[in-house]
Amino acid sequence: MKKILEVLQYGDRDIRFNTDIKLGSDLEATTLLTSIALAMVTTLWGGNEKEVLAMIRALAIADLSVCVNRKEMLKVLELDSKHLARALMDAQKEMERRGIKVMTFAPGVQPPKMRS
């Protein structure tokens, strides 16, 4: 098991970050991003999704607020997320083409209980 991201607060102002991941290449980053995105759109995503997403957004906002070139960072985030979304949609279409049933749910919507 790897620690993807740990954020701990000690007292009122001391926040510390920790991870076991060392992103040394674009392939490693893409693999991690794809795994995270797939977990977020499946039943693997747990009951704390609202709180987790809020904290991810808070971290991104904090990062942008101290970024030297905020507009450029926003362009990079927009472009990277667009490419990942396209790749995920292509993967979904390929699975459907192979006869695999794919169901998507909006964040916070629980899939129906199904009998196996």
PDB file of N, CA and C in Angstrom:
ATOM      1  N   MET A   1       0.845  -1.176   0.000  1.00  0.00           N
ATOM      2  CA  MET A   1       0.000   0.000   0.000  1.00  0.00           C
ATOM      3  C   MET A   1       0.891   1.240   0.000  1.00  0.00           C
ATOM      4  N   LYS A   2       0.511   2.215  -0.833  1.00  0.00           N
ATOM      5  CA  LYS A   2       1.244   3.475  -0.899  1.00  0.00           C
ATOM      6  C   LYS A   2       0.363   4.603  -0.378  1.00  0.00           C
ATOM      7  N   LYS A   3       1.008   5.543   0.270  1.00  0.00           N
ATOM      8  CA  LYS A   3       0.313   6.744   0.721  1.00  0.00           C
ATOM      9  C   LYS A   3       0.360   7.746  -0.426  1.00  0.00           C
ATOM     10  N   ILE A   4      -0.817   8.013  -1.041  1.00  0.00           N
ATOM     11  CA  ILE A   4      -0.856   8.952  -2.157  1.00  0.00           C
ATOM     12  C   ILE A   4      -0.711  10.373  -1.641  1.00  0.00           C
ATOM     13  N   LEU A   5      -1.499  10.718  -0.648  1.00  0.00           N
ATOM     14  CA  LEU A   5      -1.391  12.052  -0.068  1.00  0.00           C
ATOM     15  C   LEU A   5      -1.925  12.031   1.347  1.00  0.00           C
ATOM     16  N   GLU A   6      -1.132  12.549   2.245  1.00  0.00           N
ATOM     17  CA  GLU A   6      -1.540  12.702   3.635  1.00  0.00           C
ATOM     18  C   GLU A   6      -1.346  14.163   3.996  1.00  0.00           C
ATOM     19  N   VAL A   7      -2.381  14.766   4.545  1.00  0.00           N
ATOM     20  CA  VAL A   7      -2.315  16.155   4.988  1.00  0.00           C
ATOM     21  C   VAL A   7      -2.730  16.164   6.453  1.00  0.00           C
ATOM     22  N   LEU A   8      -1.818  16.583   7.312  1.00  0.00           N
ATOM     23  CA  LEU A   8      -2.085  16.595   8.751  1.00  0.00           C
ATOM     24  C   LEU A   8      -1.954  18.010   9.292  1.00  0.00           C
ATOM     25  N   GLN A   9      -2.845  18.350  10.196  1.00  0.00           N
ATOM     26  CA  GLN A   9      -2.786  19.660  10.838  1.00  0.00           C
ATOM     27  C   GLN A   9      -2.425  19.471  12.301  1.00  0.00           C
ATOM     28  N   TYR A  10      -1.357  20.144  12.711  1.00  0.00           N
ATOM     29  CA  TYR A  10      -0.909  20.151  14.099  1.00  0.00           C
ATOM     30  C   TYR A  10      -1.167  21.543  14.644  1.00  0.00           C
ATOM     31  N   GLY A  11      -2.087  21.698  15.552  1.00  0.00           N
ATOM     32  CA  GLY A  11      -2.416  23.021  16.069  1.00  0.00           C
ATOM     33  C   GLY A  11      -3.176  23.827  15.035  1.00  0.00           C
ATOM     34  N   ASP A  12      -3.143  25.147  15.191  1.00  0.00           N
ATOM     35  CA  ASP A  12      -3.927  26.017  14.313  1.00  0.00           C
ATOM     36  C   ASP A  12      -3.260  26.312  12.982  1.00  0.00           C
ATOM     37  N   ARG A  13      -1.920  26.359  12.933  1.00  0.00           N
ATOM     38  CA  ARG A  13      -1.253  26.843  11.729  1.00  0.00           C
ATOM     39  C   ARG A  13      -0.266  25.859  11.093  1.00  0.00           C
ATOM     40  N   ASP A  14       0.075  24.801  11.773  1.00  0.00           N
ATOM     41  CA  ASP A  14       1.098  23.877  11.280  1.00  0.00           C
ATOM     42  C   ASP A  14       0.442  22.753  10.475  1.00  0.00           C
ATOM     43  N   ILE A  15       0.556  22.837   9.150  1.00  0.00           N
ATOM     44  CA  ILE A  15       0.011  21.812   8.258  1.00  0.00           C
ATOM     45  C   ILE A  15       1.174  21.149   7.550  1.00  0.00           C
ATOM     46  N   ARG A  16       1.158  19.817   7.545  1.00  0.00           N
ATOM     47  CA  ARG A  16       2.244  19.056   6.951  1.00  0.00           C
ATOM     48  C   ARG A  16       1.701  18.081   5.910  1.00  0.00           C
ATOM     49  N   PHE A  17       2.489  17.878   4.860  1.00  0.00           N
ATOM     50  CA  PHE A  17       2.105  17.019   3.750  1.00  0.00           C
ATOM     51  C   PHE A  17       3.070  15.850   3.668  1.00  0.00           C
ATOM     52  N   ASN A  18       2.533  14.691   3.250  1.00  0.00           N
ATOM     53  CA  ASN A  18       3.385  13.522   3.104  1.00  0.00           C
ATOM     54  C   ASN A  18       2.851  12.651   1.966  1.00  0.00           C
ATOM     55  N   THR A  19       3.751  11.992   1.249  1.00  0.00           N
ATOM     56  CA  THR A  19       3.376  11.058   0.196  1.00  0.00           C
ATOM     57  C   THR A  19       4.481  10.034   0.016  1.00  0.00           C
ATOM     58  N   ASP A  20       4.106   8.852  -0.443  1.00  0.00           N
ATOM     59  CA  ASP A  20       5.082   7.828  -0.797  1.00  0.00           C
ATOM     60  C   ASP A  20       5.372   7.847  -2.294  1.00  0.00           C
ATOM     61  N   ILE A  21       4.630   8.649  -3.047  1.00  0.00           N
ATOM     62  CA  ILE A  21       4.721   8.674  -4.502  1.00  0.00           C
ATOM     63  C   ILE A  21       5.783   9.681  -4.932  1.00  0.00           C
ATOM     64  N   LYS A  22       6.631   9.254  -5.838  1.00  0.00           N
ATOM     65  CA  LYS A  22       7.617  10.143  -6.457  1.00  0.00           C
ATOM     66  C   LYS A  22       7.330  10.129  -7.955  1.00  0.00           C
ATOM     67  N   LEU A  23       6.647  11.156  -8.446  1.00  0.00           N
ATOM     68  CA  LEU A  23       6.280  11.201  -9.857  1.00  0.00           C
ATOM     69  C   LEU A  23       7.485  11.604 -10.689  1.00  0.00           C
ATOM     70  N   GLY A  24       8.171  10.593 -11.234  1.00  0.00           N
ATOM     71  CA  GLY A  24       9.381  10.847 -12.001  1.00  0.00           C
ATOM     72  C   GLY A  24       9.162  10.966 -13.493  1.00  0.00           C
ATOM     73  N   SER A  25       7.970  10.593 -13.974  1.00  0.00           N
ATOM     74  CA  SER A  25       7.727  10.670 -15.415  1.00  0.00           C
ATOM     75  C   SER A  25       6.266  11.008 -15.675  1.00  0.00           C
ATOM     76  N   ASP A  26       5.994  11.449 -16.900  1.00  0.00           N
ATOM     77  CA  ASP A  26       4.615  11.743 -17.288  1.00  0.00           C
ATOM     78  C   ASP A  26       3.769  10.487 -17.277  1.00  0.00           C
ATOM     79  N   LEU A  27       4.369   9.334 -17.618  1.00  0.00           N
ATOM     80  CA  LEU A  27       3.628   8.069 -17.626  1.00  0.00           C
ATOM     81  C   LEU A  27       3.150   7.717 -16.218  1.00  0.00           C
ATOM     82  N   GLU A  28       4.022   7.893 -15.223  1.00  0.00           N
ATOM     83  CA  GLU A  28       3.628   7.627 -13.838  1.00  0.00           C
ATOM     84  C   GLU A  28       2.500   8.558 -13.403  1.00  0.00           C
ATOM     85  N   ALA A  29       2.600   9.831 -13.763  1.00  0.00           N
ATOM     86  CA  ALA A  29       1.560  10.801 -13.407  1.00  0.00           C
ATOM     87  C   ALA A  29       0.248  10.443 -14.085  1.00  0.00           C
ATOM     88  N   THR A  30       0.304  10.080 -15.375  1.00  0.00           N
ATOM     89  CA  THR A  30      -0.906   9.720 -16.116  1.00  0.00           C
ATOM     90  C   THR A  30      -1.548   8.478 -15.523  1.00  0.00           C
ATOM     91  N   THR A  31      -0.736   7.485 -15.171  1.00  0.00           N
ATOM     92  CA  THR A  31      -1.255   6.258 -14.564  1.00  0.00           C
ATOM     93  C   THR A  31      -1.956   6.566 -13.244  1.00  0.00           C
ATOM     94  N   LEU A  32      -1.334   7.389 -12.413  1.00  0.00           N
ATOM     95  CA  LEU A  32      -1.931   7.757 -11.134  1.00  0.00           C
ATOM     96  C   LEU A  32      -3.218   8.552 -11.339  1.00  0.00           C
ATOM     97  N   LEU A  33      -3.200   9.535 -12.228  1.00  0.00           N
ATOM     98  CA  LEU A  33      -4.396  10.337 -12.490  1.00  0.00           C
ATOM     99  C   LEU A  33      -5.541   9.469 -13.000  1.00  0.00           C
ATOM    100  N   THR A  34      -5.229   8.531 -13.889  1.00  0.00           N
ATOM    101  CA  THR A  34      -6.257   7.640 -14.421  1.00  0.00           C
ATOM    102  C   THR A  34      -6.843   6.772 -13.312  1.00  0.00           C
ATOM    103  N   SER A  35      -5.999   6.232 -12.452  1.00  0.00           N
ATOM    104  CA  SER A  35      -6.483   5.406 -11.336  1.00  0.00           C
ATOM    105  C   SER A  35      -7.375   6.207 -10.398  1.00  0.00           C
ATOM    106  N   ILE A  36      -6.970   7.438 -10.110  1.00  0.00           N
ATOM    107  CA  ILE A  36      -7.774   8.297  -9.233  1.00  0.00           C
ATOM    108  C   ILE A  36      -9.119   8.614  -9.878  1.00  0.00           C
ATOM    109  N   ALA A  37      -9.100   8.976 -11.167  1.00  0.00           N
ATOM    110  CA  ALA A  37     -10.343   9.308 -11.863  1.00  0.00           C
ATOM    111  C   ALA A  37     -11.280   8.108 -11.907  1.00  0.00           C
ATOM    112  N   LEU A  38     -10.745   6.921 -12.198  1.00  0.00           N
ATOM    113  CA  LEU A  38     -11.590   5.727 -12.246  1.00  0.00           C
ATOM    114  C   LEU A  38     -12.178   5.408 -10.879  1.00  0.00           C
ATOM    115  N   ALA A  39     -11.401   5.588  -9.822  1.00  0.00           N
ATOM    116  CA  ALA A  39     -11.932   5.356  -8.475  1.00  0.00           C
ATOM    117  C   ALA A  39     -13.060   6.335  -8.152  1.00  0.00           C
ATOM    118  N   MET A  40     -12.920   7.568  -8.642  1.00  0.00           N
ATOM    119  CA  MET A  40     -13.919   8.594  -8.339  1.00  0.00           C
ATOM    120  C   MET A  40     -15.245   8.357  -9.056  1.00  0.00           C
ATOM    121  N   VAL A  41     -15.241   7.593 -10.139  1.00  0.00           N
ATOM    122  CA  VAL A  41     -16.483   7.352 -10.879  1.00  0.00           C
ATOM    123  C   VAL A  41     -17.002   5.934 -10.700  1.00  0.00           C
ATOM    124  N   THR A  42     -16.478   5.205  -9.738  1.00  0.00           N
ATOM    125  CA  THR A  42     -16.958   3.855  -9.465  1.00  0.00           C
ATOM    126  C   THR A  42     -17.400   3.755  -8.012  1.00  0.00           C
ATOM    127  N   THR A  43     -17.877   2.581  -7.656  1.00  0.00           N
ATOM    128  CA  THR A  43     -18.303   2.356  -6.266  1.00  0.00           C
ATOM    129  C   THR A  43     -17.122   2.302  -5.310  1.00  0.00           C
ATOM    130  N   LEU A  44     -15.889   2.370  -5.831  1.00  0.00           N
ATOM    131  CA  LEU A  44     -14.722   2.431  -4.948  1.00  0.00           C
ATOM    132  C   LEU A  44     -14.675   3.748  -4.182  1.00  0.00           C
ATOM    133  N   TRP A  45     -15.356   4.773  -4.706  1.00  0.00           N
ATOM    134  CA  TRP A  45     -15.374   6.090  -4.082  1.00  0.00           C
ATOM    135  C   TRP A  45     -16.249   6.022  -2.857  1.00  0.00           C
ATOM    136  N   GLY A  46     -15.718   6.344  -1.695  1.00  0.00           N
ATOM    137  CA  GLY A  46     -16.411   6.127  -0.426  1.00  0.00           C
ATOM    138  C   GLY A  46     -17.374   7.224  -0.026  1.00  0.00           C
ATOM    139  N   GLY A  47     -17.859   7.126   1.204  1.00  0.00           N
ATOM    140  CA  GLY A  47     -18.891   8.019   1.715  1.00  0.00           C
ATOM    141  C   GLY A  47     -18.413   9.416   2.052  1.00  0.00           C
ATOM    142  N   ASN A  48     -17.124   9.641   2.090  1.00  0.00           N
ATOM    143  CA  ASN A  48     -16.594  10.970   2.418  1.00  0.00           C
ATOM    144  C   ASN A  48     -16.339  11.810   1.182  1.00  0.00           C
ATOM    145  N   GLU A  49     -16.976  11.470   0.055  1.00  0.00           N
ATOM    146  CA  GLU A  49     -16.612  12.124  -1.198  1.00  0.00           C
ATOM    147  C   GLU A  49     -16.768  13.638  -1.161  1.00  0.00           C
ATOM    148  N   LYS A  50     -17.814  14.167  -0.531  1.00  0.00           N
ATOM    149  CA  LYS A  50     -17.989  15.625  -0.485  1.00  0.00           C
ATOM    150  C   LYS A  50     -16.843  16.286   0.273  1.00  0.00           C
ATOM    151  N   GLU A  51     -16.480  15.701   1.404  1.00  0.00           N
ATOM    152  CA  GLU A  51     -15.396  16.274   2.203  1.00  0.00           C
ATOM    153  C   GLU A  51     -14.049  16.141   1.498  1.00  0.00           C
ATOM    154  N   VAL A  52     -13.813  14.979   0.875  1.00  0.00           N
ATOM    155  CA  VAL A  52     -12.545  14.760   0.175  1.00  0.00           C
ATOM    156  C   VAL A  52     -12.420  15.712  -1.004  1.00  0.00           C
ATOM    157  N   LEU A  53     -13.472  15.821  -1.813  1.00  0.00           N
ATOM    158  CA  LEU A  53     -13.435  16.733  -2.960  1.00  0.00           C
ATOM    159  C   LEU A  53     -13.255  18.178  -2.514  1.00  0.00           C
ATOM    160  N   ALA A  54     -13.894  18.557  -1.422  1.00  0.00           N
ATOM    161  CA  ALA A  54     -13.726  19.919  -0.899  1.00  0.00           C
ATOM    162  C   ALA A  54     -12.276  20.172  -0.508  1.00  0.00           C
ATOM    163  N   MET A  55     -11.620  19.192   0.101  1.00  0.00           N
ATOM    164  CA  MET A  55     -10.222  19.365   0.493  1.00  0.00           C
ATOM    165  C   MET A  55      -9.298  19.387  -0.728  1.00  0.00           C
ATOM    166  N   ILE A  56      -9.596  18.560  -1.740  1.00  0.00           N
ATOM    167  CA  ILE A  56      -8.793  18.592  -2.966  1.00  0.00           C
ATOM    168  C   ILE A  56      -8.895  19.969  -3.611  1.00  0.00           C
ATOM    169  N   ARG A  57     -10.095  20.513  -3.663  1.00  0.00           N
ATOM    170  CA  ARG A  57     -10.279  21.853  -4.231  1.00  0.00           C
ATOM    171  C   ARG A  57      -9.561  22.906  -3.395  1.00  0.00           C
ATOM    172  N   ALA A  58      -9.618  22.766  -2.071  1.00  0.00           N
ATOM    173  CA  ALA A  58      -8.923  23.729  -1.205  1.00  0.00           C
ATOM    174  C   ALA A  58      -7.420  23.691  -1.450  1.00  0.00           C
ATOM    175  N   LEU A  59      -6.862  22.490  -1.621  1.00  0.00           N
ATOM    176  CA  LEU A  59      -5.436  22.372  -1.920  1.00  0.00           C
ATOM    177  C   LEU A  59      -5.105  22.996  -3.275  1.00  0.00           C
ATOM    178  N   ALA A  60      -5.945  22.756  -4.267  1.00  0.00           N
ATOM    179  CA  ALA A  60      -5.705  23.335  -5.598  1.00  0.00           C
ATOM    180  C   ALA A  60      -5.798  24.858  -5.551  1.00  0.00           C
ATOM    181  N   ILE A  61      -6.780  25.386  -4.828  1.00  0.00           N
ATOM    182  CA  ILE A  61      -6.934  26.839  -4.708  1.00  0.00           C
ATOM    183  C   ILE A  61      -5.732  27.441  -3.987  1.00  0.00           C
ATOM    184  N   ALA A  62      -5.286  26.780  -2.921  1.00  0.00           N
ATOM    185  CA  ALA A  62      -4.114  27.275  -2.195  1.00  0.00           C
ATOM    186  C   ALA A  62      -2.877  27.264  -3.104  1.00  0.00           C
ATOM    187  N   ASP A  63      -2.716  26.197  -3.885  1.00  0.00           N
ATOM    188  CA  ASP A  63      -1.587  26.105  -4.804  1.00  0.00           C
ATOM    189  C   ASP A  63      -1.632  27.227  -5.836  1.00  0.00           C
ATOM    190  N   LEU A  64      -2.824  27.478  -6.397  1.00  0.00           N
ATOM    191  CA  LEU A  64      -2.957  28.553  -7.378  1.00  0.00           C
ATOM    192  C   LEU A  64      -2.707  29.930  -6.760  1.00  0.00           C
ATOM    193  N   SER A  65      -3.094  30.089  -5.506  1.00  0.00           N
ATOM    194  CA  SER A  65      -2.949  31.407  -4.875  1.00  0.00           C
ATOM    195  C   SER A  65      -1.490  31.793  -4.656  1.00  0.00           C
ATOM    196  N   VAL A  66      -0.603  30.812  -4.544  1.00  0.00           N
ATOM    197  CA  VAL A  66       0.817  31.115  -4.339  1.00  0.00           C
ATOM    198  C   VAL A  66       1.642  30.874  -5.608  1.00  0.00           C
ATOM    199  N   CYS A  67       0.975  30.538  -6.694  1.00  0.00           N
ATOM    200  CA  CYS A  67       1.646  30.273  -7.966  1.00  0.00           C
ATOM    201  C   CYS A  67       2.162  31.579  -8.564  1.00  0.00           C
ATOM    202  N   VAL A  68       3.347  31.522  -9.136  1.00  0.00           N
ATOM    203  CA  VAL A  68       3.948  32.705  -9.747  1.00  0.00           C
ATOM    204  C   VAL A  68       3.182  33.123 -10.995  1.00  0.00           C
ATOM    205  N   ASN A  69       2.778  32.146 -11.804  1.00  0.00           N
ATOM    206  CA  ASN A  69       2.069  32.443 -13.039  1.00  0.00           C
ATOM    207  C   ASN A  69       0.722  31.703 -13.028  1.00  0.00           C
ATOM    208  N   ARG A  70      -0.242  32.280 -12.342  1.00  0.00           N
ATOM    209  CA  ARG A  70      -1.542  31.662 -12.120  1.00  0.00           C
ATOM    210  C   ARG A  70      -2.275  31.360 -13.421  1.00  0.00           C
ATOM    211  N   LYS A  71      -2.273  32.293 -14.360  1.00  0.00           N
ATOM    212  CA  LYS A  71      -2.982  32.089 -15.625  1.00  0.00           C
ATOM    213  C   LYS A  71      -2.397  30.912 -16.401  1.00  0.00           C
ATOM    214  N   GLU A  72      -1.092  30.796 -16.415  1.00  0.00           N
ATOM    215  CA  GLU A  72      -0.450  29.680 -17.116  1.00  0.00           C
ATOM    216  C   GLU A  72      -0.791  28.353 -16.435  1.00  0.00           C
ATOM    217  N   MET A  73      -0.799  28.341 -15.096  1.00  0.00           N
ATOM    218  CA  MET A  73      -1.143  27.123 -14.353  1.00  0.00           C
ATOM    219  C   MET A  73      -2.578  26.688 -14.660  1.00  0.00           C
ATOM    220  N   LEU A  74      -3.495  27.664 -14.735  1.00  0.00           N
ATOM    221  CA  LEU A  74      -4.888  27.343 -15.063  1.00  0.00           C
ATOM    222  C   LEU A  74      -4.996  26.754 -16.468  1.00  0.00           C
ATOM    223  N   LYS A  75      -4.211  27.271 -17.406  1.00  0.00           N
ATOM    224  CA  LYS A  75      -4.210  26.727 -18.768  1.00  0.00           C
ATOM    225  C   LYS A  75      -3.728  25.278 -18.762  1.00  0.00           C
ATOM    226  N   VAL A  76      -2.668  25.005 -18.006  1.00  0.00           N
ATOM    227  CA  VAL A  76      -2.120  23.647 -17.929  1.00  0.00           C
ATOM    228  C   VAL A  76      -3.145  22.696 -17.313  1.00  0.00           C
ATOM    229  N   LEU A  77      -3.779  23.108 -16.213  1.00  0.00           N
ATOM    230  CA  LEU A  77      -4.791  22.273 -15.566  1.00  0.00           C
ATOM    231  C   LEU A  77      -5.966  22.006 -16.503  1.00  0.00           C
ATOM    232  N   GLU A  78      -6.406  23.035 -17.212  1.00  0.00           N
ATOM    233  CA  GLU A  78      -7.532  22.883 -18.135  1.00  0.00           C
ATOM    234  C   GLU A  78      -7.172  21.923 -19.260  1.00  0.00           C
ATOM    235  N   LEU A  79      -5.999  22.068 -19.824  1.00  0.00           N
ATOM    236  CA  LEU A  79      -5.573  21.215 -20.932  1.00  0.00           C
ATOM    237  C   LEU A  79      -5.381  19.769 -20.475  1.00  0.00           C
ATOM    238  N   ASP A  80      -4.705  19.581 -19.340  1.00  0.00           N
ATOM    239  CA  ASP A  80      -4.471  18.226 -18.838  1.00  0.00           C
ATOM    240  C   ASP A  80      -5.776  17.522 -18.492  1.00  0.00           C
ATOM    241  N   SER A  81      -6.704  18.240 -17.854  1.00  0.00           N
ATOM    242  CA  SER A  81      -7.981  17.609 -17.490  1.00  0.00           C
ATOM    243  C   SER A  81      -8.805  17.306 -18.738  1.00  0.00           C
ATOM    244  N   LYS A  82      -8.691  18.132 -19.762  1.00  0.00           N
ATOM    245  CA  LYS A  82      -9.396  17.889 -21.028  1.00  0.00           C
ATOM    246  C   LYS A  82      -8.871  16.608 -21.680  1.00  0.00           C
ATOM    247  N   HIS A  83      -7.537  16.434 -21.705  1.00  0.00           N
ATOM    248  CA  HIS A  83      -6.944  15.230 -22.297  1.00  0.00           C
ATOM    249  C   HIS A  83      -7.343  13.975 -21.512  1.00  0.00           C
ATOM    250  N   LEU A  84      -7.339  14.066 -20.186  1.00  0.00           N
ATOM    251  CA  LEU A  84      -7.713  12.915 -19.365  1.00  0.00           C
ATOM    252  C   LEU A  84      -9.187  12.571 -19.564  1.00  0.00           C
ATOM    253  N   ALA A  85     -10.039  13.580 -19.628  1.00  0.00           N
ATOM    254  CA  ALA A  85     -11.466  13.336 -19.855  1.00  0.00           C
ATOM    255  C   ALA A  85     -11.684  12.653 -21.202  1.00  0.00           C
ATOM    256  N   ARG A  86     -10.967  13.099 -22.222  1.00  0.00           N
ATOM    257  CA  ARG A  86     -11.081  12.480 -23.543  1.00  0.00           C
ATOM    258  C   ARG A  86     -10.626  11.022 -23.493  1.00  0.00           C
ATOM    259  N   ALA A  87      -9.523  10.746 -22.814  1.00  0.00           N
ATOM    260  CA  ALA A  87      -9.016   9.377 -22.706  1.00  0.00           C
ATOM    261  C   ALA A  87      -9.999   8.480 -21.964  1.00  0.00           C
ATOM    262  N   LEU A  88     -10.596   8.991 -20.900  1.00  0.00           N
ATOM    263  CA  LEU A  88     -11.575   8.202 -20.148  1.00  0.00           C
ATOM    264  C   LEU A  88     -12.820   7.925 -20.976  1.00  0.00           C
ATOM    265  N   MET A  89     -13.285   8.912 -21.743  1.00  0.00           N
ATOM    266  CA  MET A  89     -14.447   8.714 -22.615  1.00  0.00           C
ATOM    267  C   MET A  89     -14.125   7.700 -23.714  1.00  0.00           C
ATOM    268  N   ASP A  90     -12.926   7.765 -24.275  1.00  0.00           N
ATOM    269  CA  ASP A  90     -12.519   6.794 -25.294  1.00  0.00           C
ATOM    270  C   ASP A  90     -12.482   5.380 -24.719  1.00  0.00           C
ATOM    271  N   ALA A  91     -11.974   5.253 -23.481  1.00  0.00           N
ATOM    272  CA  ALA A  91     -11.932   3.939 -22.829  1.00  0.00           C
ATOM    273  C   ALA A  91     -13.347   3.418 -22.582  1.00  0.00           C
ATOM    274  N   GLN A  92     -14.252   4.302 -22.166  1.00  0.00           N
ATOM    275  CA  GLN A  92     -15.643   3.904 -21.937  1.00  0.00           C
ATOM    276  C   GLN A  92     -16.287   3.428 -23.241  1.00  0.00           C
ATOM    277  N   LYS A  93     -16.075   4.166 -24.321  1.00  0.00           N
ATOM    278  CA  LYS A  93     -16.638   3.784 -25.624  1.00  0.00           C
ATOM    279  C   LYS A  93     -16.087   2.436 -26.086  1.00  0.00           C
ATOM    280  N   GLU A  94     -14.792   2.207 -25.861  1.00  0.00           N
ATOM    281  CA  GLU A  94     -14.188   0.936 -26.243  1.00  0.00           C
ATOM    282  C   GLU A  94     -14.780  -0.216 -25.435  1.00  0.00           C
ATOM    283  N   MET A  95     -14.990  -0.016 -24.137  1.00  0.00           N
ATOM    284  CA  MET A  95     -15.606  -1.063 -23.316  1.00  0.00           C
ATOM    285  C   MET A  95     -17.019  -1.354 -23.802  1.00  0.00           C
ATOM    286  N   GLU A  96     -17.781  -0.301 -24.104  1.00  0.00           N
ATOM    287  CA  GLU A  96     -19.141  -0.491 -24.594  1.00  0.00           C
ATOM    288  C   GLU A  96     -19.124  -1.213 -25.943  1.00  0.00           C
ATOM    289  N   ARG A  97     -18.164  -0.900 -26.787  1.00  0.00           N
ATOM    290  CA  ARG A  97     -18.039  -1.562 -28.085  1.00  0.00           C
ATOM    291  C   ARG A  97     -17.785  -3.056 -27.912  1.00  0.00           C
ATOM    292  N   ARG A  98     -17.087  -3.405 -26.841  1.00  0.00           N
ATOM    293  CA  ARG A  98     -16.786  -4.816 -26.559  1.00  0.00           C
ATOM    294  C   ARG A  98     -17.918  -5.508 -25.807  1.00  0.00           C
ATOM    295  N   GLY A  99     -19.007  -4.803 -25.582  1.00  0.00           N
ATOM    296  CA  GLY A  99     -20.161  -5.415 -24.931  1.00  0.00           C
ATOM    297  C   GLY A  99     -20.192  -5.285 -23.421  1.00  0.00           C
ATOM    298  N   ILE A 100     -19.313  -4.485 -22.874  1.00  0.00           N
ATOM    299  CA  ILE A 100     -19.287  -4.272 -21.428  1.00  0.00           C
ATOM    300  C   ILE A 100     -20.261  -3.143 -21.104  1.00  0.00           C
ATOM    301  N   LYS A 101     -21.165  -3.392 -20.159  1.00  0.00           N
ATOM    302  CA  LYS A 101     -22.136  -2.372 -19.787  1.00  0.00           C
ATOM    303  C   LYS A 101     -21.473  -1.375 -18.843  1.00  0.00           C
ATOM    304  N   VAL A 102     -21.556  -0.112 -19.200  1.00  0.00           N
ATOM    305  CA  VAL A 102     -20.948   0.960 -18.405  1.00  0.00           C
ATOM    306  C   VAL A 102     -22.062   1.863 -17.917  1.00  0.00           C
ATOM    307  N   MET A 103     -22.112   2.066 -16.600  1.00  0.00           N
ATOM    308  CA  MET A 103     -23.095   2.971 -16.012  1.00  0.00           C
ATOM    309  C   MET A 103     -22.344   4.083 -15.294  1.00  0.00           C
ATOM    310  N   THR A 104     -22.726   5.313 -15.515  1.00  0.00           N
ATOM    311  CA  THR A 104     -22.085   6.431 -14.829  1.00  0.00           C
ATOM    312  C   THR A 104     -23.100   7.095 -13.918  1.00  0.00           C
ATOM    313  N   PHE A 105     -22.620   7.622 -12.813  1.00  0.00           N
ATOM    314  CA  PHE A 105     -23.445   8.291 -11.819  1.00  0.00           C
ATOM    315  C   PHE A 105     -22.815   9.623 -11.471  1.00  0.00           C
ATOM    316  N   ALA A 106     -23.636  10.605 -11.252  1.00  0.00           N
ATOM    317  CA  ALA A 106     -23.141  11.912 -10.825  1.00  0.00           C
ATOM    318  C   ALA A 106     -22.542  11.795  -9.425  1.00  0.00           C
ATOM    319  N   PRO A 107     -21.620  12.695  -9.062  1.00  0.00           N
ATOM    320  CA  PRO A 107     -21.063  12.661  -7.706  1.00  0.00           C
ATOM    321  C   PRO A 107     -22.164  12.722  -6.664  1.00  0.00           C
ATOM    322  N   GLY A 108     -22.062  11.880  -5.660  1.00  0.00           N
ATOM    323  CA  GLY A 108     -23.041  11.849  -4.576  1.00  0.00           C
ATOM    324  C   GLY A 108     -24.220  10.941  -4.836  1.00  0.00           C
ATOM    325  N   VAL A 109     -24.349  10.424  -6.070  1.00  0.00           N
ATOM    326  CA  VAL A 109     -25.442   9.524  -6.409  1.00  0.00           C
ATOM    327  C   VAL A 109     -24.967   8.093  -6.227  1.00  0.00           C
ATOM    328  N   GLN A 110     -25.660   7.343  -5.399  1.00  0.00           N
ATOM    329  CA  GLN A 110     -25.282   5.970  -5.145  1.00  0.00           C
ATOM    330  C   GLN A 110     -25.878   5.051  -6.207  1.00  0.00           C
ATOM    331  N   PRO A 111     -25.116   4.076  -6.700  1.00  0.00           N
ATOM    332  CA  PRO A 111     -25.686   3.140  -7.651  1.00  0.00           C
ATOM    333  C   PRO A 111     -26.757   2.290  -6.975  1.00  0.00           C
ATOM    334  N   PRO A 112     -27.732   1.806  -7.748  1.00  0.00           N
ATOM    335  CA  PRO A 112     -28.777   0.984  -7.137  1.00  0.00           C
ATOM    336  C   PRO A 112     -28.198  -0.329  -6.633  1.00  0.00           C
ATOM    337  N   LYS A 113     -28.820  -0.874  -5.593  1.00  0.00           N
ATOM    338  CA  LYS A 113     -28.409  -2.177  -5.078  1.00  0.00           C
ATOM    339  C   LYS A 113     -28.797  -3.217  -6.126  1.00  0.00           C
ATOM    340  N   MET A 114     -27.838  -4.037  -6.513  1.00  0.00           N
ATOM    341  CA  MET A 114     -28.091  -5.028  -7.552  1.00  0.00           C
ATOM    342  C   MET A 114     -27.840  -6.418  -7.001  1.00  0.00           C
ATOM    343  N   ARG A 115     -28.600  -7.347  -7.467  1.00  0.00           N
ATOM    344  CA  ARG A 115     -28.398  -8.733  -7.059  1.00  0.00           C
ATOM    345  C   ARG A 115     -27.361  -9.344  -7.989  1.00  0.00           C
ATOM    346  N   SER A 116     -26.499 -10.167  -7.432  1.00  0.00           N
ATOM    347  CA  SER A 116     -25.481 -10.799  -8.264  1.00  0.00           C
ATOM    348  C   SER A 116     -25.975 -12.112  -8.815  1.00  0.00           C
TER     349      SER A 116
END
